[in-house]
């Protein structure tokens, strides 16, 4: 298609612009909505509970301190090695 002269170009532009405006006005306007599933709500509650839980379990710390001071706290090298290996694979997996 060949367009001759500036008049034809301007007319083609105006027609195209009018088509766009009429198409935009036909679009339905809907309100946004948000639905949170029950599982997501439960996860949010669990996340808050974990966040509020203390990082250090003081009762365990106190128990181990007492056992170390009394000399009754004994951990085998095998148990230490097992925990190190478990921790390594937990972080990779």
PDB file of N, CA and C in Angstrom:
ATOM      1  N   UNK A   1       0.848  -1.172   0.000  1.00  0.00           N
ATOM      2  CA  UNK A   1       0.000   0.000   0.000  1.00  0.00           C
ATOM      3  C   UNK A   1       0.896   1.238   0.000  1.00  0.00           C
ATOM      4  N   UNK A   2       0.547   2.174  -0.829  1.00  0.00           N
ATOM      5  CA  UNK A   2       1.322   3.403  -0.922  1.00  0.00           C
ATOM      6  C   UNK A   2       0.458   4.573  -0.502  1.00  0.00           C
ATOM      7  N   UNK A   3       1.000   5.383   0.386  1.00  0.00           N
ATOM      8  CA  UNK A   3       0.262   6.551   0.872  1.00  0.00           C
ATOM      9  C   UNK A   3       0.905   7.779   0.253  1.00  0.00           C
ATOM     10  N   UNK A   4       0.086   8.563  -0.448  1.00  0.00           N
ATOM     11  CA  UNK A   4       0.583   9.759  -1.106  1.00  0.00           C
ATOM     12  C   UNK A   4       0.199  10.992  -0.306  1.00  0.00           C
ATOM     13  N   UNK A   5       1.163  11.787  -0.031  1.00  0.00           N
ATOM     14  CA  UNK A   5       0.907  13.076   0.582  1.00  0.00           C
ATOM     15  C   UNK A   5       0.690  13.000   2.082  1.00  0.00           C
ATOM     16  N   UNK A   6       0.817  14.147   2.719  1.00  0.00           N
ATOM     17  CA  UNK A   6       0.707  14.246   4.164  1.00  0.00           C
ATOM     18  C   UNK A   6      -0.752  14.105   4.608  1.00  0.00           C
ATOM     19  N   UNK A   7      -1.713  14.533   3.771  1.00  0.00           N
ATOM     20  CA  UNK A   7      -3.124  14.429   4.129  1.00  0.00           C
ATOM     21  C   UNK A   7      -3.506  12.977   4.392  1.00  0.00           C
ATOM     22  N   UNK A   8      -3.069  12.091   3.526  1.00  0.00           N
ATOM     23  CA  UNK A   8      -3.420  10.683   3.672  1.00  0.00           C
ATOM     24  C   UNK A   8      -2.794  10.080   4.934  1.00  0.00           C
ATOM     25  N   UNK A   9      -1.595  10.486   5.241  1.00  0.00           N
ATOM     26  CA  UNK A   9      -0.923   9.985   6.437  1.00  0.00           C
ATOM     27  C   UNK A   9      -1.667  10.469   7.677  1.00  0.00           C
ATOM     28  N   UNK A  10      -2.014  11.742   7.702  1.00  0.00           N
ATOM     29  CA  UNK A  10      -2.742  12.289   8.847  1.00  0.00           C
ATOM     30  C   UNK A  10      -4.105  11.631   9.005  1.00  0.00           C
ATOM     31  N   UNK A  11      -4.790  11.402   7.909  1.00  0.00           N
ATOM     32  CA  UNK A  11      -6.105  10.756   7.973  1.00  0.00           C
ATOM     33  C   UNK A  11      -5.980   9.322   8.486  1.00  0.00           C
ATOM     34  N   UNK A  12      -4.985   8.609   8.012  1.00  0.00           N
ATOM     35  CA  UNK A  12      -4.780   7.236   8.472  1.00  0.00           C
ATOM     36  C   UNK A  12      -4.467   7.218   9.964  1.00  0.00           C
ATOM     37  N   UNK A  13      -3.695   8.164  10.424  1.00  0.00           N
ATOM     38  CA  UNK A  13      -3.355   8.252  11.850  1.00  0.00           C
ATOM     39  C   UNK A  13      -4.598   8.548  12.679  1.00  0.00           C
ATOM     40  N   UNK A  14      -5.428   9.488  12.232  1.00  0.00           N
ATOM     41  CA  UNK A  14      -6.635   9.856  12.981  1.00  0.00           C
ATOM     42  C   UNK A  14      -7.617   8.693  13.062  1.00  0.00           C
ATOM     43  N   UNK A  15      -7.787   7.954  11.986  1.00  0.00           N
ATOM     44  CA  UNK A  15      -8.693   6.804  11.982  1.00  0.00           C
ATOM     45  C   UNK A  15      -8.189   5.755  12.960  1.00  0.00           C
ATOM     46  N   UNK A  16      -6.902   5.471  12.929  1.00  0.00           N
ATOM     47  CA  UNK A  16      -6.309   4.473  13.826  1.00  0.00           C
ATOM     48  C   UNK A  16      -6.439   4.916  15.277  1.00  0.00           C
ATOM     49  N   UNK A  17      -6.242   6.185  15.547  1.00  0.00           N
ATOM     50  CA  UNK A  17      -6.341   6.714  16.901  1.00  0.00           C
ATOM     51  C   UNK A  17      -7.786   6.592  17.412  1.00  0.00           C
ATOM     52  N   UNK A  18      -8.762   6.860  16.566  1.00  0.00           N
ATOM     53  CA  UNK A  18     -10.171   6.743  16.945  1.00  0.00           C
ATOM     54  C   UNK A  18     -10.512   5.293  17.266  1.00  0.00           C
ATOM     55  N   UNK A  19      -9.988   4.355  16.493  1.00  0.00           N
ATOM     56  CA  UNK A  19     -10.235   2.929  16.759  1.00  0.00           C
ATOM     57  C   UNK A  19      -9.697   2.533  18.125  1.00  0.00           C
ATOM     58  N   UNK A  20      -8.508   2.992  18.461  1.00  0.00           N
ATOM     59  CA  UNK A  20      -7.906   2.666  19.761  1.00  0.00           C
ATOM     60  C   UNK A  20      -8.742   3.222  20.910  1.00  0.00           C
ATOM     61  N   UNK A  21      -9.210   4.431  20.780  1.00  0.00           N
ATOM     62  CA  UNK A  21     -10.005   5.048  21.839  1.00  0.00           C
ATOM     63  C   UNK A  21     -11.304   4.287  22.042  1.00  0.00           C
ATOM     64  N   UNK A  22     -11.946   3.876  20.960  1.00  0.00           N
ATOM     65  CA  UNK A  22     -13.207   3.157  21.111  1.00  0.00           C
ATOM     66  C   UNK A  22     -12.983   1.773  21.708  1.00  0.00           C
ATOM     67  N   UNK A  23     -11.856   1.135  21.408  1.00  0.00           N
ATOM     68  CA  UNK A  23     -11.560  -0.182  21.972  1.00  0.00           C
ATOM     69  C   UNK A  23     -11.278  -0.078  23.469  1.00  0.00           C
ATOM     70  N   UNK A  24     -10.583   0.961  23.883  1.00  0.00           N
ATOM     71  CA  UNK A  24     -10.252   1.146  25.290  1.00  0.00           C
ATOM     72  C   UNK A  24     -11.512   1.416  26.098  1.00  0.00           C
ATOM     73  N   UNK A  25     -12.445   2.172  25.552  1.00  0.00           N
ATOM     74  CA  UNK A  25     -13.650   2.502  26.300  1.00  0.00           C
ATOM     75  C   UNK A  25     -14.564   1.295  26.472  1.00  0.00           C
ATOM     76  N   UNK A  26     -14.414   0.255  25.655  1.00  0.00           N
ATOM     77  CA  UNK A  26     -15.250  -0.940  25.744  1.00  0.00           C
ATOM     78  C   UNK A  26     -14.768  -1.925  26.812  1.00  0.00           C
ATOM     79  N   UNK A  27     -13.570  -1.730  27.323  1.00  0.00           N
ATOM     80  CA  UNK A  27     -13.007  -2.645  28.316  1.00  0.00           C
ATOM     81  C   UNK A  27     -13.781  -2.500  29.624  1.00  0.00           C
ATOM     82  N   UNK A  28     -14.158  -3.645  30.199  1.00  0.00           N
ATOM     83  CA  UNK A  28     -14.880  -3.629  31.469  1.00  0.00           C
ATOM     84  C   UNK A  28     -13.917  -3.289  32.592  1.00  0.00           C
ATOM     85  N   UNK A  29     -14.399  -2.508  33.508  1.00  0.00           N
ATOM     86  CA  UNK A  29     -13.577  -2.152  34.660  1.00  0.00           C
ATOM     87  C   UNK A  29     -13.995  -3.032  35.821  1.00  0.00           C
ATOM     88  N   UNK A  30     -13.070  -3.852  36.299  1.00  0.00           N
ATOM     89  CA  UNK A  30     -13.337  -4.740  37.416  1.00  0.00           C
ATOM     90  C   UNK A  30     -12.489  -4.319  38.607  1.00  0.00           C
ATOM     91  N   UNK A  31     -13.022  -4.589  39.792  1.00  0.00           N
ATOM     92  CA  UNK A  31     -12.265  -4.273  40.997  1.00  0.00           C
ATOM     93  C   UNK A  31     -11.277  -5.388  41.269  1.00  0.00           C
ATOM     94  N   UNK A  32     -10.132  -5.016  41.794  1.00  0.00           N
ATOM     95  CA  UNK A  32      -9.128  -5.999  42.179  1.00  0.00           C
ATOM     96  C   UNK A  32      -9.592  -6.719  43.436  1.00  0.00           C
ATOM     97  N   UNK A  33      -9.241  -7.992  43.523  1.00  0.00           N
ATOM     98  CA  UNK A  33      -9.574  -8.741  44.731  1.00  0.00           C
ATOM     99  C   UNK A  33      -8.414  -9.654  45.081  1.00  0.00           C
ATOM    100  N   UNK A  34      -8.392 -10.070  46.339  1.00  0.00           N
ATOM    101  CA  UNK A  34      -7.324 -10.932  46.827  1.00  0.00           C
ATOM    102  C   UNK A  34      -7.952 -12.031  47.661  1.00  0.00           C
ATOM    103  N   UNK A  35      -7.563 -13.272  47.379  1.00  0.00           N
ATOM    104  CA  UNK A  35      -8.065 -14.407  48.149  1.00  0.00           C
ATOM    105  C   UNK A  35      -6.871 -15.183  48.693  1.00  0.00           C
ATOM    106  N   UNK A  36      -6.848 -15.379  49.998  1.00  0.00           N
ATOM    107  CA  UNK A  36      -5.754 -16.117  50.636  1.00  0.00           C
ATOM    108  C   UNK A  36      -6.301 -17.477  51.058  1.00  0.00           C
ATOM    109  N   UNK A  37      -5.636 -18.529  50.625  1.00  0.00           N
ATOM    110  CA  UNK A  37      -6.102 -19.882  50.931  1.00  0.00           C
ATOM    111  C   UNK A  37      -5.929 -20.198  52.407  1.00  0.00           C
ATOM    112  N   UNK A  38      -6.640 -21.234  52.856  1.00  0.00           N
ATOM    113  CA  UNK A  38      -6.537 -21.656  54.262  1.00  0.00           C
ATOM    114  C   UNK A  38      -5.118 -22.110  54.596  1.00  0.00           C
ATOM    115  N   UNK A  39      -4.479 -22.799  53.648  1.00  0.00           N
ATOM    116  CA  UNK A  39      -3.109 -23.274  53.879  1.00  0.00           C
ATOM    117  C   UNK A  39      -2.166 -22.088  54.060  1.00  0.00           C
ATOM    118  N   UNK A  40      -2.343 -21.072  53.246  1.00  0.00           N
ATOM    119  CA  UNK A  40      -1.486 -19.885  53.358  1.00  0.00           C
ATOM    120  C   UNK A  40      -1.698 -19.195  54.701  1.00  0.00           C
ATOM    121  N   UNK A  41      -2.941 -19.169  55.169  1.00  0.00           N
ATOM    122  CA  UNK A  41      -3.221 -18.564  56.478  1.00  0.00           C
ATOM    123  C   UNK A  41      -2.541 -19.358  57.595  1.00  0.00           C
ATOM    124  N   UNK A  42      -2.617 -20.686  57.508  1.00  0.00           N
ATOM    125  CA  UNK A  42      -1.971 -21.526  58.516  1.00  0.00           C
ATOM    126  C   UNK A  42      -0.456 -21.357  58.491  1.00  0.00           C
ATOM    127  N   UNK A  43       0.109 -21.265  57.296  1.00  0.00           N
ATOM    128  CA  UNK A  43       1.557 -21.052  57.184  1.00  0.00           C
ATOM    129  C   UNK A  43       1.962 -19.705  57.780  1.00  0.00           C
ATOM    130  N   UNK A  44       1.130 -18.722  57.592  1.00  0.00           N
ATOM    131  CA  UNK A  44       1.422 -17.398  58.151  1.00  0.00           C
ATOM    132  C   UNK A  44       1.409 -17.456  59.683  1.00  0.00           C
ATOM    133  N   UNK A  45       0.468 -18.176  60.245  1.00  0.00           N
ATOM    134  CA  UNK A  45       0.392 -18.325  61.704  1.00  0.00           C
ATOM    135  C   UNK A  45       1.625 -19.072  62.218  1.00  0.00           C
ATOM    136  N   UNK A  46       2.003 -20.159  61.507  1.00  0.00           N
ATOM    137  CA  UNK A  46       3.173 -20.940  61.917  1.00  0.00           C
ATOM    138  C   UNK A  46       4.444 -20.099  61.827  1.00  0.00           C
ATOM    139  N   UNK A  47       4.546 -19.295  60.794  1.00  0.00           N
ATOM    140  CA  UNK A  47       5.722 -18.441  60.623  1.00  0.00           C
ATOM    141  C   UNK A  47       5.839 -17.441  61.772  1.00  0.00           C
ATOM    142  N   UNK A  48       4.726 -16.879  62.192  1.00  0.00           N
ATOM    143  CA  UNK A  48       4.745 -15.943  63.317  1.00  0.00           C
ATOM    144  C   UNK A  48       5.154 -16.652  64.600  1.00  0.00           C
ATOM    145  N   UNK A  49       4.663 -17.886  64.791  1.00  0.00           N
ATOM    146  CA  UNK A  49       5.000 -18.639  66.001  1.00  0.00           C
ATOM    147  C   UNK A  49       6.489 -18.936  66.049  1.00  0.00           C
ATOM    148  N   UNK A  50       7.058 -19.323  64.921  1.00  0.00           N
ATOM    149  CA  UNK A  50       8.494 -19.613  64.870  1.00  0.00           C
ATOM    150  C   UNK A  50       9.304 -18.340  65.099  1.00  0.00           C
ATOM    151  N   UNK A  51       8.837 -17.257  64.536  1.00  0.00           N
ATOM    152  CA  UNK A  51       9.546 -15.980  64.693  1.00  0.00           C
ATOM    153  C   UNK A  51       9.568 -15.538  66.156  1.00  0.00           C
ATOM    154  N   UNK A  52       8.494 -15.814  66.879  1.00  0.00           N
ATOM    155  CA  UNK A  52       8.401 -15.393  68.281  1.00  0.00           C
ATOM    156  C   UNK A  52       9.068 -16.367  69.239  1.00  0.00           C
ATOM    157  N   UNK A  53       9.419 -17.557  68.752  1.00  0.00           N
ATOM    158  CA  UNK A  53      10.069 -18.550  69.612  1.00  0.00           C
ATOM    159  C   UNK A  53      11.524 -18.129  69.851  1.00  0.00           C
ATOM    160  N   UNK A  54      12.041 -18.393  71.034  1.00  0.00           N
ATOM    161  CA  UNK A  54      13.436 -18.014  71.309  1.00  0.00           C
ATOM    162  C   UNK A  54      14.408 -18.871  70.496  1.00  0.00           C
ATOM    163  N   UNK A  55      15.532 -18.276  70.118  1.00  0.00           N
ATOM    164  CA  UNK A  55      16.549 -18.995  69.355  1.00  0.00           C
ATOM    165  C   UNK A  55      17.300 -19.992  70.230  1.00  0.00           C
ATOM    166  N   UNK A  56      17.390 -19.696  71.503  1.00  0.00           N
ATOM    167  CA  UNK A  56      18.156 -20.544  72.427  1.00  0.00           C
ATOM    168  C   UNK A  56      17.181 -21.204  73.396  1.00  0.00           C
ATOM    169  N   UNK A  57      17.266 -22.507  73.488  1.00  0.00           N
ATOM    170  CA  UNK A  57      16.449 -23.234  74.459  1.00  0.00           C
ATOM    171  C   UNK A  57      17.223 -23.272  75.774  1.00  0.00           C
ATOM    172  N   UNK A  58      16.940 -22.299  76.597  1.00  0.00           N
ATOM    173  CA  UNK A  58      17.713 -22.069  77.814  1.00  0.00           C
ATOM    174  C   UNK A  58      17.692 -23.266  78.759  1.00  0.00           C
ATOM    175  N   UNK A  59      16.599 -24.014  78.812  1.00  0.00           N
ATOM    176  CA  UNK A  59      16.543 -25.174  79.700  1.00  0.00           C
ATOM    177  C   UNK A  59      17.562 -26.236  79.301  1.00  0.00           C
ATOM    178  N   UNK A  60      17.734 -26.431  77.987  1.00  0.00           N
ATOM    179  CA  UNK A  60      18.743 -27.396  77.522  1.00  0.00           C
ATOM    180  C   UNK A  60      20.152 -26.899  77.815  1.00  0.00           C
ATOM    181  N   UNK A  61      20.368 -25.611  77.609  1.00  0.00           N
ATOM    182  CA  UNK A  61      21.688 -25.028  77.859  1.00  0.00           C
ATOM    183  C   UNK A  61      22.057 -25.191  79.327  1.00  0.00           C
ATOM    184  N   UNK A  62      21.125 -24.891  80.205  1.00  0.00           N
ATOM    185  CA  UNK A  62      21.389 -25.009  81.644  1.00  0.00           C
ATOM    186  C   UNK A  62      21.671 -26.460  82.036  1.00  0.00           C
ATOM    187  N   UNK A  63      20.923 -27.397  81.464  1.00  0.00           N
ATOM    188  CA  UNK A  63      21.128 -28.814  81.752  1.00  0.00           C
ATOM    189  C   UNK A  63      22.531 -29.258  81.333  1.00  0.00           C
ATOM    190  N   UNK A  64      22.937 -28.873  80.143  1.00  0.00           N
ATOM    191  CA  UNK A  64      24.265 -29.267  79.651  1.00  0.00           C
ATOM    192  C   UNK A  64      25.365 -28.611  80.482  1.00  0.00           C
ATOM    193  N   UNK A  65      25.183 -27.348  80.866  1.00  0.00           N
ATOM    194  CA  UNK A  65      26.168 -26.670  81.716  1.00  0.00           C
ATOM    195  C   UNK A  65      26.353 -27.425  83.033  1.00  0.00           C
ATOM    196  N   UNK A  66      25.252 -27.831  83.652  1.00  0.00           N
ATOM    197  CA  UNK A  66      25.326 -28.572  84.916  1.00  0.00           C
ATOM    198  C   UNK A  66      26.053 -29.902  84.729  1.00  0.00           C
ATOM    199  N   UNK A  67      25.744 -30.591  83.618  1.00  0.00           N
ATOM    200  CA  UNK A  67      26.384 -31.885  83.369  1.00  0.00           C
ATOM    201  C   UNK A  67      27.875 -31.727  83.086  1.00  0.00           C
ATOM    202  N   UNK A  68      28.258 -30.643  82.391  1.00  0.00           N
ATOM    203  CA  UNK A  68      29.681 -30.398  82.126  1.00  0.00           C
ATOM    204  C   UNK A  68      30.403 -30.112  83.446  1.00  0.00           C
ATOM    205  N   UNK A  69      29.813 -29.277  84.299  1.00  0.00           N
ATOM    206  CA  UNK A  69      30.443 -28.918  85.572  1.00  0.00           C
ATOM    207  C   UNK A  69      30.562 -30.127  86.503  1.00  0.00           C
ATOM    208  N   UNK A  70      29.592 -31.018  86.425  1.00  0.00           N
ATOM    209  CA  UNK A  70      29.649 -32.196  87.296  1.00  0.00           C
ATOM    210  C   UNK A  70      30.496 -33.315  86.693  1.00  0.00           C
ATOM    211  N   UNK A  71      30.868 -33.168  85.421  1.00  0.00           N
ATOM    212  CA  UNK A  71      31.688 -34.187  84.770  1.00  0.00           C
ATOM    213  C   UNK A  71      30.889 -35.351  84.206  1.00  0.00           C
ATOM    214  N   UNK A  72      29.582 -35.239  84.150  1.00  0.00           N
ATOM    215  CA  UNK A  72      28.760 -36.336  83.631  1.00  0.00           C
ATOM    216  C   UNK A  72      28.351 -36.143  82.174  1.00  0.00           C
ATOM    217  N   UNK A  73      28.853 -35.104  81.542  1.00  0.00           N
ATOM    218  CA  UNK A  73      28.507 -34.855  80.137  1.00  0.00           C
ATOM    219  C   UNK A  73      29.578 -35.477  79.255  1.00  0.00           C
ATOM    220  N   UNK A  74      29.234 -36.573  78.604  1.00  0.00           N
ATOM    221  CA  UNK A  74      30.179 -37.268  77.736  1.00  0.00           C
ATOM    222  C   UNK A  74      29.543 -37.481  76.367  1.00  0.00           C
ATOM    223  N   UNK A  75      30.244 -37.057  75.348  1.00  0.00           N
ATOM    224  CA  UNK A  75      29.776 -37.245  73.977  1.00  0.00           C
ATOM    225  C   UNK A  75      30.870 -37.990  73.237  1.00  0.00           C
ATOM    226  N   UNK A  76      30.462 -39.063  72.562  1.00  0.00           N
ATOM    227  CA  UNK A  76      31.457 -39.847  71.838  1.00  0.00           C
ATOM    228  C   UNK A  76      31.825 -39.144  70.528  1.00  0.00           C
ATOM    229  N   UNK A  77      32.997 -39.454  70.035  1.00  0.00           N
ATOM    230  CA  UNK A  77      33.461 -38.882  68.766  1.00  0.00           C
ATOM    231  C   UNK A  77      32.526 -39.313  67.631  1.00  0.00           C
ATOM    232  N   UNK A  78      31.981 -40.494  67.740  1.00  0.00           N
ATOM    233  CA  UNK A  78      31.050 -41.013  66.721  1.00  0.00           C
ATOM    234  C   UNK A  78      29.796 -40.135  66.649  1.00  0.00           C
ATOM    235  N   UNK A  79      29.242 -39.733  67.802  1.00  0.00           N
ATOM    236  CA  UNK A  79      28.056 -38.877  67.823  1.00  0.00           C
ATOM    237  C   UNK A  79      28.349 -37.506  67.209  1.00  0.00           C
ATOM    238  N   UNK A  80      29.515 -36.979  67.505  1.00  0.00           N
ATOM    239  CA  UNK A  80      29.910 -35.687  66.935  1.00  0.00           C
ATOM    240  C   UNK A  80      30.031 -35.799  65.422  1.00  0.00           C
ATOM    241  N   UNK A  81      30.678 -36.843  64.956  1.00  0.00           N
ATOM    242  CA  UNK A  81      30.864 -37.051  63.514  1.00  0.00           C
ATOM    243  C   UNK A  81      29.515 -37.229  62.818  1.00  0.00           C
ATOM    244  N   UNK A  82      28.612 -37.984  63.425  1.00  0.00           N
ATOM    245  CA  UNK A  82      27.284 -38.179  62.834  1.00  0.00           C
ATOM    246  C   UNK A  82      26.534 -36.857  62.698  1.00  0.00           C
ATOM    247  N   UNK A  83      26.599 -36.026  63.718  1.00  0.00           N
ATOM    248  CA  UNK A  83      25.919 -34.725  63.666  1.00  0.00           C
ATOM    249  C   UNK A  83      26.514 -33.815  62.598  1.00  0.00           C
ATOM    250  N   UNK A  84      27.841 -33.851  62.444  1.00  0.00           N
ATOM    251  CA  UNK A  84      28.503 -33.034  61.419  1.00  0.00           C
ATOM    252  C   UNK A  84      28.060 -33.481  60.034  1.00  0.00           C
ATOM    253  N   UNK A  85      28.039 -34.786  59.804  1.00  0.00           N
ATOM    254  CA  UNK A  85      27.633 -35.322  58.496  1.00  0.00           C
ATOM    255  C   UNK A  85      26.169 -34.990  58.223  1.00  0.00           C
ATOM    256  N   UNK A  86      25.306 -35.181  59.231  1.00  0.00           N
ATOM    257  CA  UNK A  86      23.885 -34.864  59.052  1.00  0.00           C
ATOM    258  C   UNK A  86      23.688 -33.393  58.716  1.00  0.00           C
ATOM    259  N   UNK A  87      24.411 -32.542  59.410  1.00  0.00           N
ATOM    260  CA  UNK A  87      24.297 -31.104  59.168  1.00  0.00           C
ATOM    261  C   UNK A  87      24.770 -30.762  57.753  1.00  0.00           C
ATOM    262  N   UNK A  88      25.818 -31.375  57.301  1.00  0.00           N
ATOM    263  CA  UNK A  88      26.350 -31.122  55.955  1.00  0.00           C
ATOM    264  C   UNK A  88      25.320 -31.483  54.900  1.00  0.00           C
ATOM    265  N   UNK A  89      24.712 -32.657  55.017  1.00  0.00           N
ATOM    266  CA  UNK A  89      23.744 -33.092  54.006  1.00  0.00           C
ATOM    267  C   UNK A  89      22.426 -32.347  54.113  1.00  0.00           C
ATOM    268  N   UNK A  90      22.049 -31.873  55.281  1.00  0.00           N
ATOM    269  CA  UNK A  90      20.841 -31.073  55.429  1.00  0.00           C
ATOM    270  C   UNK A  90      20.981 -29.738  54.690  1.00  0.00           C
ATOM    271  N   UNK A  91      22.169 -29.150  54.755  1.00  0.00           N
ATOM    272  CA  UNK A  91      22.407 -27.864  54.095  1.00  0.00           C
ATOM    273  C   UNK A  91      22.482 -28.011  52.580  1.00  0.00           C
ATOM    274  N   UNK A  92      22.946 -29.137  52.100  1.00  0.00           N
ATOM    275  CA  UNK A  92      23.073 -29.353  50.649  1.00  0.00           C
ATOM    276  C   UNK A  92      21.747 -29.750  50.028  1.00  0.00           C
ATOM    277  N   UNK A  93      20.934 -30.475  50.770  1.00  0.00           N
ATOM    278  CA  UNK A  93      19.720 -31.051  50.220  1.00  0.00           C
ATOM    279  C   UNK A  93      18.607 -30.137  50.145  1.00  0.00           C
TER     280      UNK A  93
END
